[in-house]
Each structure stands twice: as structure tokens, then as C-alpha cells.
């Protein structure tokens, strides 16, 4: 059976994709991704969420 994806799951995936992409851009590639910690991701997600609220 095919499981559908909810809008909230898609939104969460987009946020994580943007945040992880920002780490890759910040350090010019995989090096930026290899050095991050879970806390770094959580912190940046909070900052990102503040940026997109208006």
C-alpha cells in the first residue's frame, strides 16, 4: 500500500533541507556537513524559523 505524506512532513523536510544546505554552503561542500553536531542543526532551525515568520 502507498503511504501518503502529510503537508507538515513536507514542510519539515524542506526546513531540514534548507538548514543542512546552509551548512554545506557555509564550508563549501561536504566538509561543512561532516563537522556539524545535532545541537548545531537544532540551533540553526530555530534561527531559520524566526527568519521565516512575519
PDB file of N, CA and C in Angstrom:
ATOM      1  N   UNK A   1       0.836  -1.189   0.000  1.00  0.00           N
ATOM      2  CA  UNK A   1       0.000   0.000   0.000  1.00  0.00           C
ATOM      3  C   UNK A   1       0.876   1.245   0.000  1.00  0.00           C
ATOM      4  N   UNK A   2       0.352   2.285  -0.568  1.00  0.00           N
ATOM      5  CA  UNK A   2       1.089   3.538  -0.683  1.00  0.00           C
ATOM      6  C   UNK A   2       0.736   4.450   0.485  1.00  0.00           C
ATOM      7  N   UNK A   3       1.742   4.899   1.204  1.00  0.00           N
ATOM      8  CA  UNK A   3       1.530   5.807   2.334  1.00  0.00           C
ATOM      9  C   UNK A   3       1.660   7.242   1.838  1.00  0.00           C
ATOM     10  N   UNK A   4       0.697   8.064   2.183  1.00  0.00           N
ATOM     11  CA  UNK A   4       0.768   9.458   1.753  1.00  0.00           C
ATOM     12  C   UNK A   4       1.604  10.272   2.745  1.00  0.00           C
ATOM     13  N   UNK A   5       2.159  11.326   2.250  1.00  0.00           N
ATOM     14  CA  UNK A   5       2.987  12.218   3.059  1.00  0.00           C
ATOM     15  C   UNK A   5       2.173  13.459   3.386  1.00  0.00           C
ATOM     16  N   UNK A   6       2.166  13.817   4.652  1.00  0.00           N
ATOM     17  CA  UNK A   6       1.386  14.989   5.060  1.00  0.00           C
ATOM     18  C   UNK A   6       2.127  16.281   4.709  1.00  0.00           C
ATOM     19  N   UNK A   7       1.368  17.342   4.638  1.00  0.00           N
ATOM     20  CA  UNK A   7       1.943  18.661   4.360  1.00  0.00           C
ATOM     21  C   UNK A   7       2.944  19.042   5.446  1.00  0.00           C
ATOM     22  N   UNK A   8       2.641  18.733   6.693  1.00  0.00           N
ATOM     23  CA  UNK A   8       3.564  19.094   7.778  1.00  0.00           C
ATOM     24  C   UNK A   8       4.886  18.333   7.656  1.00  0.00           C
ATOM     25  N   UNK A   9       4.839  17.098   7.191  1.00  0.00           N
ATOM     26  CA  UNK A   9       6.079  16.340   6.976  1.00  0.00           C
ATOM     27  C   UNK A   9       6.896  16.944   5.837  1.00  0.00           C
ATOM     28  N   UNK A  10       6.214  17.384   4.808  1.00  0.00           N
ATOM     29  CA  UNK A  10       6.905  18.020   3.681  1.00  0.00           C
ATOM     30  C   UNK A  10       7.541  19.330   4.130  1.00  0.00           C
ATOM     31  N   UNK A  11       6.814  20.119   4.909  1.00  0.00           N
ATOM     32  CA  UNK A  11       7.359  21.385   5.412  1.00  0.00           C
ATOM     33  C   UNK A  11       8.593  21.144   6.273  1.00  0.00           C
ATOM     34  N   UNK A  12       8.523  20.146   7.135  1.00  0.00           N
ATOM     35  CA  UNK A  12       9.662  19.823   7.995  1.00  0.00           C
ATOM     36  C   UNK A  12      10.867  19.397   7.153  1.00  0.00           C
ATOM     37  N   UNK A  13      10.625  18.608   6.128  1.00  0.00           N
ATOM     38  CA  UNK A  13      11.709  18.168   5.247  1.00  0.00           C
ATOM     39  C   UNK A  13      12.342  19.350   4.518  1.00  0.00           C
ATOM     40  N   UNK A  14      11.525  20.301   4.105  1.00  0.00           N
ATOM     41  CA  UNK A  14      12.045  21.490   3.423  1.00  0.00           C
ATOM     42  C   UNK A  14      12.921  22.306   4.366  1.00  0.00           C
ATOM     43  N   UNK A  15      12.481  22.461   5.606  1.00  0.00           N
ATOM     44  CA  UNK A  15      13.269  23.210   6.592  1.00  0.00           C
ATOM     45  C   UNK A  15      14.608  22.511   6.823  1.00  0.00           C
ATOM     46  N   UNK A  16      14.578  21.204   7.057  1.00  0.00           N
ATOM     47  CA  UNK A  16      15.827  20.472   7.278  1.00  0.00           C
ATOM     48  C   UNK A  16      16.735  20.551   6.051  1.00  0.00           C
ATOM     49  N   UNK A  17      16.164  20.448   4.871  1.00  0.00           N
ATOM     50  CA  UNK A  17      16.961  20.552   3.647  1.00  0.00           C
ATOM     51  C   UNK A  17      17.632  21.904   3.515  1.00  0.00           C
ATOM     52  N   UNK A  18      16.891  22.959   3.812  1.00  0.00           N
ATOM     53  CA  UNK A  18      17.468  24.306   3.749  1.00  0.00           C
ATOM     54  C   UNK A  18      18.567  24.494   4.786  1.00  0.00           C
ATOM     55  N   UNK A  19      18.312  24.016   5.982  1.00  0.00           N
ATOM     56  CA  UNK A  19      19.297  24.173   7.057  1.00  0.00           C
ATOM     57  C   UNK A  19      20.561  23.376   6.748  1.00  0.00           C
ATOM     58  N   UNK A  20      20.415  22.134   6.337  1.00  0.00           N
ATOM     59  CA  UNK A  20      21.599  21.334   6.016  1.00  0.00           C
ATOM     60  C   UNK A  20      22.334  21.906   4.807  1.00  0.00           C
ATOM     61  N   UNK A  21      21.592  22.411   3.852  1.00  0.00           N
ATOM     62  CA  UNK A  21      22.218  23.063   2.706  1.00  0.00           C
ATOM     63  C   UNK A  21      23.022  24.284   3.114  1.00  0.00           C
ATOM     64  N   UNK A  22      22.537  24.996   4.116  1.00  0.00           N
ATOM     65  CA  UNK A  22      23.265  26.187   4.573  1.00  0.00           C
ATOM     66  C   UNK A  22      24.616  25.810   5.182  1.00  0.00           C
ATOM     67  N   UNK A  23      24.681  24.653   5.842  1.00  0.00           N
ATOM     68  CA  UNK A  23      25.968  24.195   6.373  1.00  0.00           C
ATOM     69  C   UNK A  23      26.920  23.830   5.238  1.00  0.00           C
ATOM     70  N   UNK A  24      26.392  23.212   4.196  1.00  0.00           N
ATOM     71  CA  UNK A  24      27.231  22.833   3.051  1.00  0.00           C
ATOM     72  C   UNK A  24      27.785  24.074   2.358  1.00  0.00           C
ATOM     73  N   UNK A  25      26.956  25.092   2.208  1.00  0.00           N
ATOM     74  CA  UNK A  25      27.389  26.324   1.548  1.00  0.00           C
ATOM     75  C   UNK A  25      28.386  27.087   2.421  1.00  0.00           C
ATOM     76  N   UNK A  26      28.143  27.060   3.711  1.00  0.00           N
ATOM     77  CA  UNK A  26      28.999  27.790   4.647  1.00  0.00           C
ATOM     78  C   UNK A  26      30.451  27.315   4.591  1.00  0.00           C
ATOM     79  N   UNK A  27      30.656  26.019   4.445  1.00  0.00           N
ATOM     80  CA  UNK A  27      32.018  25.461   4.417  1.00  0.00           C
ATOM     81  C   UNK A  27      32.388  24.917   3.039  1.00  0.00           C
ATOM     82  N   UNK A  28      31.637  25.290   2.022  1.00  0.00           N
ATOM     83  CA  UNK A  28      31.942  24.910   0.641  1.00  0.00           C
ATOM     84  C   UNK A  28      31.961  23.402   0.410  1.00  0.00           C
ATOM     85  N   UNK A  29      30.894  22.728   0.784  1.00  0.00           N
ATOM     86  CA  UNK A  29      30.768  21.313   0.440  1.00  0.00           C
ATOM     87  C   UNK A  29      30.559  20.406   1.635  1.00  0.00           C
ATOM     88  N   UNK A  30      30.935  19.167   1.437  1.00  0.00           N
ATOM     89  CA  UNK A  30      30.703  18.154   2.460  1.00  0.00           C
ATOM     90  C   UNK A  30      31.439  18.436   3.763  1.00  0.00           C
ATOM     91  N   UNK A  31      32.520  19.168   3.700  1.00  0.00           N
ATOM     92  CA  UNK A  31      33.269  19.478   4.918  1.00  0.00           C
ATOM     93  C   UNK A  31      32.372  20.157   5.945  1.00  0.00           C
ATOM     94  N   UNK A  32      31.510  21.034   5.488  1.00  0.00           N
ATOM     95  CA  UNK A  32      30.580  21.705   6.391  1.00  0.00           C
ATOM     96  C   UNK A  32      29.590  20.741   7.013  1.00  0.00           C
ATOM     97  N   UNK A  33      29.157  19.762   6.248  1.00  0.00           N
ATOM     98  CA  UNK A  33      28.196  18.783   6.759  1.00  0.00           C
ATOM     99  C   UNK A  33      28.846  17.785   7.712  1.00  0.00           C
ATOM    100  N   UNK A  34      30.085  17.461   7.465  1.00  0.00           N
ATOM    101  CA  UNK A  34      30.760  16.459   8.288  1.00  0.00           C
ATOM    102  C   UNK A  34      31.114  16.974   9.682  1.00  0.00           C
ATOM    103  N   UNK A  35      31.155  18.273   9.846  1.00  0.00           N
ATOM    104  CA  UNK A  35      31.584  18.850  11.125  1.00  0.00           C
ATOM    105  C   UNK A  35      30.436  19.298  12.030  1.00  0.00           C
ATOM    106  N   UNK A  36      29.203  19.182  11.568  1.00  0.00           N
ATOM    107  CA  UNK A  36      28.090  19.676  12.381  1.00  0.00           C
ATOM    108  C   UNK A  36      27.650  18.651  13.419  1.00  0.00           C
ATOM    109  N   UNK A  37      27.076  19.159  14.473  1.00  0.00           N
ATOM    110  CA  UNK A  37      26.526  18.338  15.559  1.00  0.00           C
ATOM    111  C   UNK A  37      25.010  18.529  15.574  1.00  0.00           C
ATOM    112  N   UNK A  38      24.311  17.634  16.261  1.00  0.00           N
ATOM    113  CA  UNK A  38      22.852  17.758  16.349  1.00  0.00           C
ATOM    114  C   UNK A  38      22.441  19.102  16.935  1.00  0.00           C
ATOM    115  N   UNK A  39      23.177  19.567  17.921  1.00  0.00           N
ATOM    116  CA  UNK A  39      22.867  20.859  18.524  1.00  0.00           C
ATOM    117  C   UNK A  39      22.984  22.001  17.530  1.00  0.00           C
ATOM    118  N   UNK A  40      23.945  21.890  16.615  1.00  0.00           N
ATOM    119  CA  UNK A  40      24.114  22.917  15.582  1.00  0.00           C
ATOM    120  C   UNK A  40      22.880  22.973  14.683  1.00  0.00           C
ATOM    121  N   UNK A  41      22.374  21.810  14.345  1.00  0.00           N
ATOM    122  CA  UNK A  41      21.195  21.737  13.475  1.00  0.00           C
ATOM    123  C   UNK A  41      19.990  22.343  14.185  1.00  0.00           C
ATOM    124  N   UNK A  42      19.776  21.954  15.427  1.00  0.00           N
ATOM    125  CA  UNK A  42      18.637  22.476  16.191  1.00  0.00           C
ATOM    126  C   UNK A  42      18.702  23.989  16.335  1.00  0.00           C
ATOM    127  N   UNK A  43      19.888  24.485  16.627  1.00  0.00           N
ATOM    128  CA  UNK A  43      20.068  25.932  16.792  1.00  0.00           C
ATOM    129  C   UNK A  43      19.756  26.669  15.492  1.00  0.00           C
ATOM    130  N   UNK A  44      20.246  26.143  14.391  1.00  0.00           N
ATOM    131  CA  UNK A  44      20.023  26.811  13.112  1.00  0.00           C
ATOM    132  C   UNK A  44      18.559  26.713  12.685  1.00  0.00           C
ATOM    133  N   UNK A  45      17.902  25.621  13.027  1.00  0.00           N
ATOM    134  CA  UNK A  45      16.473  25.501  12.709  1.00  0.00           C
ATOM    135  C   UNK A  45      15.684  26.573  13.451  1.00  0.00           C
ATOM    136  N   UNK A  46      16.023  26.813  14.712  1.00  0.00           N
ATOM    137  CA  UNK A  46      15.339  27.863  15.476  1.00  0.00           C
ATOM    138  C   UNK A  46      15.553  29.232  14.835  1.00  0.00           C
ATOM    139  N   UNK A  47      16.764  29.494  14.405  1.00  0.00           N
ATOM    140  CA  UNK A  47      17.064  30.767  13.735  1.00  0.00           C
ATOM    141  C   UNK A  47      16.283  30.861  12.427  1.00  0.00           C
ATOM    142  N   UNK A  48      16.269  29.784  11.677  1.00  0.00           N
ATOM    143  CA  UNK A  48      15.559  29.745  10.397  1.00  0.00           C
ATOM    144  C   UNK A  48      14.064  29.995  10.604  1.00  0.00           C
ATOM    145  N   UNK A  49      13.498  29.348  11.622  1.00  0.00           N
ATOM    146  CA  UNK A  49      12.070  29.532  11.896  1.00  0.00           C
ATOM    147  C   UNK A  49      11.754  30.981  12.251  1.00  0.00           C
ATOM    148  N   UNK A  50      12.652  31.643  12.975  1.00  0.00           N
ATOM    149  CA  UNK A  50      12.450  33.061  13.286  1.00  0.00           C
ATOM    150  C   UNK A  50      12.506  33.906  12.010  1.00  0.00           C
ATOM    151  N   UNK A  51      13.392  33.538  11.099  1.00  0.00           N
ATOM    152  CA  UNK A  51      13.542  34.299   9.856  1.00  0.00           C
ATOM    153  C   UNK A  51      12.308  34.205   8.968  1.00  0.00           C
ATOM    154  N   UNK A  52      11.643  33.055   8.970  1.00  0.00           N
ATOM    155  CA  UNK A  52      10.531  32.884   8.031  1.00  0.00           C
ATOM    156  C   UNK A  52       9.185  33.318   8.603  1.00  0.00           C
ATOM    157  N   UNK A  53       9.155  33.674   9.874  1.00  0.00           N
ATOM    158  CA  UNK A  53       7.908  34.183  10.470  1.00  0.00           C
ATOM    159  C   UNK A  53       7.824  35.681  10.260  1.00  0.00           C
ATOM    160  N   UNK A  54       6.689  36.121   9.780  1.00  0.00           N
ATOM    161  CA  UNK A  54       6.469  37.563   9.640  1.00  0.00           C
ATOM    162  C   UNK A  54       5.007  37.887   9.684  1.00  0.00           C
TER     163      UNK A  54
END
